[in-house]
């Protein structure tokens, strides 16, 4: 099965919608994998992201 450009973009947008959450101008990926802080941070940095703690109740 071949996928044209529009189908690929649509599929990518669906994945972003399912896996990512936005709040104001930030995007968050919520994982349900169990890792320690060091493993989690490595996972994030390998993907060009940061591991954070959200203390703001509204943002949580």
PDB file of N, CA and C in Angstrom:
ATOM      1  N   UNK A   1       0.839  -1.169   0.000  1.00  0.00           N
ATOM      2  CA  UNK A   1       0.000   0.000   0.000  1.00  0.00           C
ATOM      3  C   UNK A   1       0.885   1.234   0.000  1.00  0.00           C
ATOM      4  N   UNK A   2       0.637   2.165  -0.895  1.00  0.00           N
ATOM      5  CA  UNK A   2       1.403   3.409  -0.908  1.00  0.00           C
ATOM      6  C   UNK A   2       0.569   4.514  -0.274  1.00  0.00           C
ATOM      7  N   UNK A   3       1.265   5.458   0.315  1.00  0.00           N
ATOM      8  CA  UNK A   3       0.595   6.570   0.989  1.00  0.00           C
ATOM      9  C   UNK A   3       1.053   7.854   0.326  1.00  0.00           C
ATOM     10  N   UNK A   4       0.091   8.677  -0.102  1.00  0.00           N
ATOM     11  CA  UNK A   4       0.487   9.944  -0.706  1.00  0.00           C
ATOM     12  C   UNK A   4       0.793  10.968   0.386  1.00  0.00           C
ATOM     13  N   UNK A   5       1.302  12.129  -0.009  1.00  0.00           N
ATOM     14  CA  UNK A   5       1.719  13.154   0.945  1.00  0.00           C
ATOM     15  C   UNK A   5       0.617  13.600   1.887  1.00  0.00           C
ATOM     16  N   UNK A   6      -0.588  13.811   1.362  1.00  0.00           N
ATOM     17  CA  UNK A   6      -1.694  14.268   2.207  1.00  0.00           C
ATOM     18  C   UNK A   6      -2.091  13.226   3.239  1.00  0.00           C
ATOM     19  N   UNK A   7      -2.106  11.959   2.841  1.00  0.00           N
ATOM     20  CA  UNK A   7      -2.451  10.894   3.790  1.00  0.00           C
ATOM     21  C   UNK A   7      -1.406  10.797   4.894  1.00  0.00           C
ATOM     22  N   UNK A   8      -0.139  10.980   4.528  1.00  0.00           N
ATOM     23  CA  UNK A   8       0.939  10.918   5.519  1.00  0.00           C
ATOM     24  C   UNK A   8       0.798  12.060   6.523  1.00  0.00           C
ATOM     25  N   UNK A   9       0.547  13.258   6.041  1.00  0.00           N
ATOM     26  CA  UNK A   9       0.377  14.406   6.937  1.00  0.00           C
ATOM     27  C   UNK A   9      -0.817  14.188   7.847  1.00  0.00           C
ATOM     28  N   UNK A  10      -1.919  13.696   7.311  1.00  0.00           N
ATOM     29  CA  UNK A  10      -3.104  13.426   8.121  1.00  0.00           C
ATOM     30  C   UNK A  10      -2.802  12.401   9.202  1.00  0.00           C
ATOM     31  N   UNK A  11      -2.101  11.336   8.845  1.00  0.00           N
ATOM     32  CA  UNK A  11      -1.749  10.304   9.821  1.00  0.00           C
ATOM     33  C   UNK A  11      -0.860  10.877  10.913  1.00  0.00           C
ATOM     34  N   UNK A  12       0.091  11.737  10.548  1.00  0.00           N
ATOM     35  CA  UNK A  12       0.968  12.349  11.540  1.00  0.00           C
ATOM     36  C   UNK A  12       0.181  13.261  12.472  1.00  0.00           C
ATOM     37  N   UNK A  13      -0.772  14.006  11.941  1.00  0.00           N
ATOM     38  CA  UNK A  13      -1.593  14.885  12.781  1.00  0.00           C
ATOM     39  C   UNK A  13      -2.443  14.086  13.752  1.00  0.00           C
ATOM     40  N   UNK A  14      -2.966  12.960  13.311  1.00  0.00           N
ATOM     41  CA  UNK A  14      -3.748  12.101  14.197  1.00  0.00           C
ATOM     42  C   UNK A  14      -2.868  11.591  15.325  1.00  0.00           C
ATOM     43  N   UNK A  15      -1.662  11.159  15.014  1.00  0.00           N
ATOM     44  CA  UNK A  15      -0.745  10.686  16.053  1.00  0.00           C
ATOM     45  C   UNK A  15      -0.435  11.794  17.045  1.00  0.00           C
ATOM     46  N   UNK A  16      -0.193  12.995  16.558  1.00  0.00           N
ATOM     47  CA  UNK A  16       0.072  14.110  17.464  1.00  0.00           C
ATOM     48  C   UNK A  16      -1.127  14.389  18.356  1.00  0.00           C
ATOM     49  N   UNK A  17      -2.311  14.333  17.792  1.00  0.00           N
ATOM     50  CA  UNK A  17      -3.520  14.592  18.556  1.00  0.00           C
ATOM     51  C   UNK A  17      -3.720  13.555  19.647  1.00  0.00           C
ATOM     52  N   UNK A  18      -3.436  12.305  19.348  1.00  0.00           N
ATOM     53  CA  UNK A  18      -3.653  11.226  20.304  1.00  0.00           C
ATOM     54  C   UNK A  18      -2.600  11.227  21.404  1.00  0.00           C
ATOM     55  N   UNK A  19      -1.340  11.452  21.060  1.00  0.00           N
ATOM     56  CA  UNK A  19      -0.255  11.286  22.010  1.00  0.00           C
ATOM     57  C   UNK A  19       0.164  12.562  22.725  1.00  0.00           C
ATOM     58  N   UNK A  20      -0.193  13.713  22.210  1.00  0.00           N
ATOM     59  CA  UNK A  20       0.276  14.971  22.765  1.00  0.00           C
ATOM     60  C   UNK A  20      -0.882  15.788  23.318  1.00  0.00           C
ATOM     61  N   UNK A  21      -0.592  16.551  24.364  1.00  0.00           N
ATOM     62  CA  UNK A  21      -1.565  17.448  24.975  1.00  0.00           C
ATOM     63  C   UNK A  21      -1.006  18.861  24.896  1.00  0.00           C
ATOM     64  N   UNK A  22      -1.847  19.829  24.606  1.00  0.00           N
ATOM     65  CA  UNK A  22      -1.366  21.211  24.562  1.00  0.00           C
ATOM     66  C   UNK A  22      -1.973  22.013  25.703  1.00  0.00           C
ATOM     67  N   UNK A  23      -1.219  22.981  26.166  1.00  0.00           N
ATOM     68  CA  UNK A  23      -1.687  23.937  27.173  1.00  0.00           C
ATOM     69  C   UNK A  23      -1.021  25.258  26.846  1.00  0.00           C
ATOM     70  N   UNK A  24      -1.839  26.272  26.574  1.00  0.00           N
ATOM     71  CA  UNK A  24      -1.358  27.573  26.124  1.00  0.00           C
ATOM     72  C   UNK A  24      -0.432  27.360  24.935  1.00  0.00           C
ATOM     73  N   UNK A  25       0.832  27.712  25.015  1.00  0.00           N
ATOM     74  CA  UNK A  25       1.710  27.549  23.847  1.00  0.00           C
ATOM     75  C   UNK A  25       2.680  26.380  24.010  1.00  0.00           C
ATOM     76  N   UNK A  26       2.391  25.479  24.942  1.00  0.00           N
ATOM     77  CA  UNK A  26       3.270  24.332  25.188  1.00  0.00           C
ATOM     78  C   UNK A  26       2.587  23.033  24.796  1.00  0.00           C
ATOM     79  N   UNK A  27       3.401  22.040  24.429  1.00  0.00           N
ATOM     80  CA  UNK A  27       2.905  20.710  24.115  1.00  0.00           C
ATOM     81  C   UNK A  27       3.560  19.709  25.046  1.00  0.00           C
ATOM     82  N   UNK A  28       2.763  18.755  25.521  1.00  0.00           N
ATOM     83  CA  UNK A  28       3.246  17.757  26.467  1.00  0.00           C
ATOM     84  C   UNK A  28       2.925  16.362  25.966  1.00  0.00           C
ATOM     85  N   UNK A  29       3.878  15.471  26.148  1.00  0.00           N
ATOM     86  CA  UNK A  29       3.672  14.060  25.853  1.00  0.00           C
ATOM     87  C   UNK A  29       3.577  13.348  27.189  1.00  0.00           C
ATOM     88  N   UNK A  30       2.470  12.699  27.432  1.00  0.00           N
ATOM     89  CA  UNK A  30       2.262  11.970  28.679  1.00  0.00           C
ATOM     90  C   UNK A  30       2.463  10.486  28.408  1.00  0.00           C
ATOM     91  N   UNK A  31       3.494   9.942  28.987  1.00  0.00           N
ATOM     92  CA  UNK A  31       3.803   8.533  28.796  1.00  0.00           C
ATOM     93  C   UNK A  31       3.275   7.721  29.969  1.00  0.00           C
ATOM     94  N   UNK A  32       2.888   6.490  29.704  1.00  0.00           N
ATOM     95  CA  UNK A  32       2.481   5.607  30.796  1.00  0.00           C
ATOM     96  C   UNK A  32       3.544   4.540  31.053  1.00  0.00           C
ATOM     97  N   UNK A  33       4.733   4.722  30.448  1.00  0.00           N
ATOM     98  CA  UNK A  33       5.849   3.814  30.706  1.00  0.00           C
ATOM     99  C   UNK A  33       6.442   4.124  32.076  1.00  0.00           C
ATOM    100  N   UNK A  34       6.867   3.088  32.760  1.00  0.00           N
ATOM    101  CA  UNK A  34       7.463   3.257  34.079  1.00  0.00           C
ATOM    102  C   UNK A  34       8.985   3.254  33.944  1.00  0.00           C
ATOM    103  N   UNK A  35       9.608   4.413  34.185  1.00  0.00           N
ATOM    104  CA  UNK A  35      11.062   4.553  34.134  1.00  0.00           C
ATOM    105  C   UNK A  35      11.482   5.426  35.303  1.00  0.00           C
ATOM    106  N   UNK A  36      12.737   5.303  35.710  1.00  0.00           N
ATOM    107  CA  UNK A  36      13.218   6.214  36.743  1.00  0.00           C
ATOM    108  C   UNK A  36      13.542   7.558  36.088  1.00  0.00           C
ATOM    109  N   UNK A  37      13.894   8.557  36.910  1.00  0.00           N
ATOM    110  CA  UNK A  37      14.121   9.908  36.396  1.00  0.00           C
ATOM    111  C   UNK A  37      15.225   9.918  35.337  1.00  0.00           C
ATOM    112  N   UNK A  38      16.331   9.247  35.608  1.00  0.00           N
ATOM    113  CA  UNK A  38      17.469   9.238  34.686  1.00  0.00           C
ATOM    114  C   UNK A  38      17.094   8.627  33.344  1.00  0.00           C
ATOM    115  N   UNK A  39      16.415   7.498  33.361  1.00  0.00           N
ATOM    116  CA  UNK A  39      15.986   6.852  32.113  1.00  0.00           C
ATOM    117  C   UNK A  39      14.989   7.727  31.364  1.00  0.00           C
ATOM    118  N   UNK A  40      14.080   8.343  32.095  1.00  0.00           N
ATOM    119  CA  UNK A  40      13.075   9.212  31.477  1.00  0.00           C
ATOM    120  C   UNK A  40      13.727  10.423  30.830  1.00  0.00           C
ATOM    121  N   UNK A  41      14.674  11.019  31.523  1.00  0.00           N
ATOM    122  CA  UNK A  41      15.366  12.197  30.993  1.00  0.00           C
ATOM    123  C   UNK A  41      16.144  11.833  29.738  1.00  0.00           C
ATOM    124  N   UNK A  42      16.809  10.703  29.747  1.00  0.00           N
ATOM    125  CA  UNK A  42      17.556  10.242  28.570  1.00  0.00           C
ATOM    126  C   UNK A  42      16.599  10.048  27.392  1.00  0.00           C
ATOM    127  N   UNK A  43      15.466   9.412  27.643  1.00  0.00           N
ATOM    128  CA  UNK A  43      14.454   9.189  26.604  1.00  0.00           C
ATOM    129  C   UNK A  43      14.038  10.522  25.974  1.00  0.00           C
ATOM    130  N   UNK A  44      13.795  11.515  26.814  1.00  0.00           N
ATOM    131  CA  UNK A  44      13.370  12.833  26.321  1.00  0.00           C
ATOM    132  C   UNK A  44      14.476  13.525  25.532  1.00  0.00           C
ATOM    133  N   UNK A  45      15.674  13.584  26.098  1.00  0.00           N
ATOM    134  CA  UNK A  45      16.753  14.313  25.433  1.00  0.00           C
ATOM    135  C   UNK A  45      17.146  13.672  24.106  1.00  0.00           C
ATOM    136  N   UNK A  46      17.031  12.362  23.998  1.00  0.00           N
ATOM    137  CA  UNK A  46      17.310  11.695  22.721  1.00  0.00           C
ATOM    138  C   UNK A  46      16.327  12.120  21.641  1.00  0.00           C
ATOM    139  N   UNK A  47      15.196  12.641  22.045  1.00  0.00           N
ATOM    140  CA  UNK A  47      14.164  13.077  21.105  1.00  0.00           C
ATOM    141  C   UNK A  47      14.065  14.597  21.025  1.00  0.00           C
ATOM    142  N   UNK A  48      15.038  15.289  21.591  1.00  0.00           N
ATOM    143  CA  UNK A  48      15.057  16.747  21.522  1.00  0.00           C
ATOM    144  C   UNK A  48      14.056  17.407  22.444  1.00  0.00           C
ATOM    145  N   UNK A  49      13.668  16.725  23.502  1.00  0.00           N
ATOM    146  CA  UNK A  49      12.668  17.256  24.433  1.00  0.00           C
ATOM    147  C   UNK A  49      13.273  17.387  25.831  1.00  0.00           C
ATOM    148  N   UNK A  50      12.490  17.909  26.753  1.00  0.00           N
ATOM    149  CA  UNK A  50      12.903  18.044  28.144  1.00  0.00           C
ATOM    150  C   UNK A  50      11.939  17.294  29.039  1.00  0.00           C
ATOM    151  N   UNK A  51      12.454  16.768  30.118  1.00  0.00           N
ATOM    152  CA  UNK A  51      11.627  16.142  31.146  1.00  0.00           C
ATOM    153  C   UNK A  51      11.341  17.213  32.186  1.00  0.00           C
ATOM    154  N   UNK A  52      10.090  17.367  32.547  1.00  0.00           N
ATOM    155  CA  UNK A  52       9.719  18.437  33.472  1.00  0.00           C
ATOM    156  C   UNK A  52       8.804  17.925  34.568  1.00  0.00           C
ATOM    157  N   UNK A  53       8.712  18.710  35.612  1.00  0.00           N
ATOM    158  CA  UNK A  53       7.717  18.502  36.664  1.00  0.00           C
ATOM    159  C   UNK A  53       6.747  19.668  36.561  1.00  0.00           C
ATOM    160  N   UNK A  54       5.469  19.369  36.499  1.00  0.00           N
ATOM    161  CA  UNK A  54       4.455  20.417  36.405  1.00  0.00           C
ATOM    162  C   UNK A  54       3.864  20.623  37.795  1.00  0.00           C
ATOM    163  N   UNK A  55       4.146  21.771  38.386  1.00  0.00           N
ATOM    164  CA  UNK A  55       3.639  22.084  39.718  1.00  0.00           C
ATOM    165  C   UNK A  55       2.343  22.880  39.683  1.00  0.00           C
ATOM    166  N   UNK A  56       2.049  23.495  38.580  1.00  0.00           N
ATOM    167  CA  UNK A  56       0.863  24.326  38.425  1.00  0.00           C
ATOM    168  C   UNK A  56      -0.368  23.432  38.256  1.00  0.00           C
ATOM    169  N   UNK A  57      -1.300  23.487  39.195  1.00  0.00           N
ATOM    170  CA  UNK A  57      -2.508  22.639  39.144  1.00  0.00           C
ATOM    171  C   UNK A  57      -3.295  22.829  37.854  1.00  0.00           C
ATOM    172  N   UNK A  58      -3.426  24.073  37.415  1.00  0.00           N
ATOM    173  CA  UNK A  58      -4.192  24.350  36.201  1.00  0.00           C
ATOM    174  C   UNK A  58      -3.542  23.689  34.984  1.00  0.00           C
ATOM    175  N   UNK A  59      -2.234  23.739  34.940  1.00  0.00           N
ATOM    176  CA  UNK A  59      -1.507  23.154  33.816  1.00  0.00           C
ATOM    177  C   UNK A  59      -1.541  21.630  33.858  1.00  0.00           C
ATOM    178  N   UNK A  60      -1.620  21.052  35.061  1.00  0.00           N
ATOM    179  CA  UNK A  60      -1.688  19.601  35.188  1.00  0.00           C
ATOM    180  C   UNK A  60      -2.976  19.101  34.595  1.00  0.00           C
TER     181      UNK A  60
END
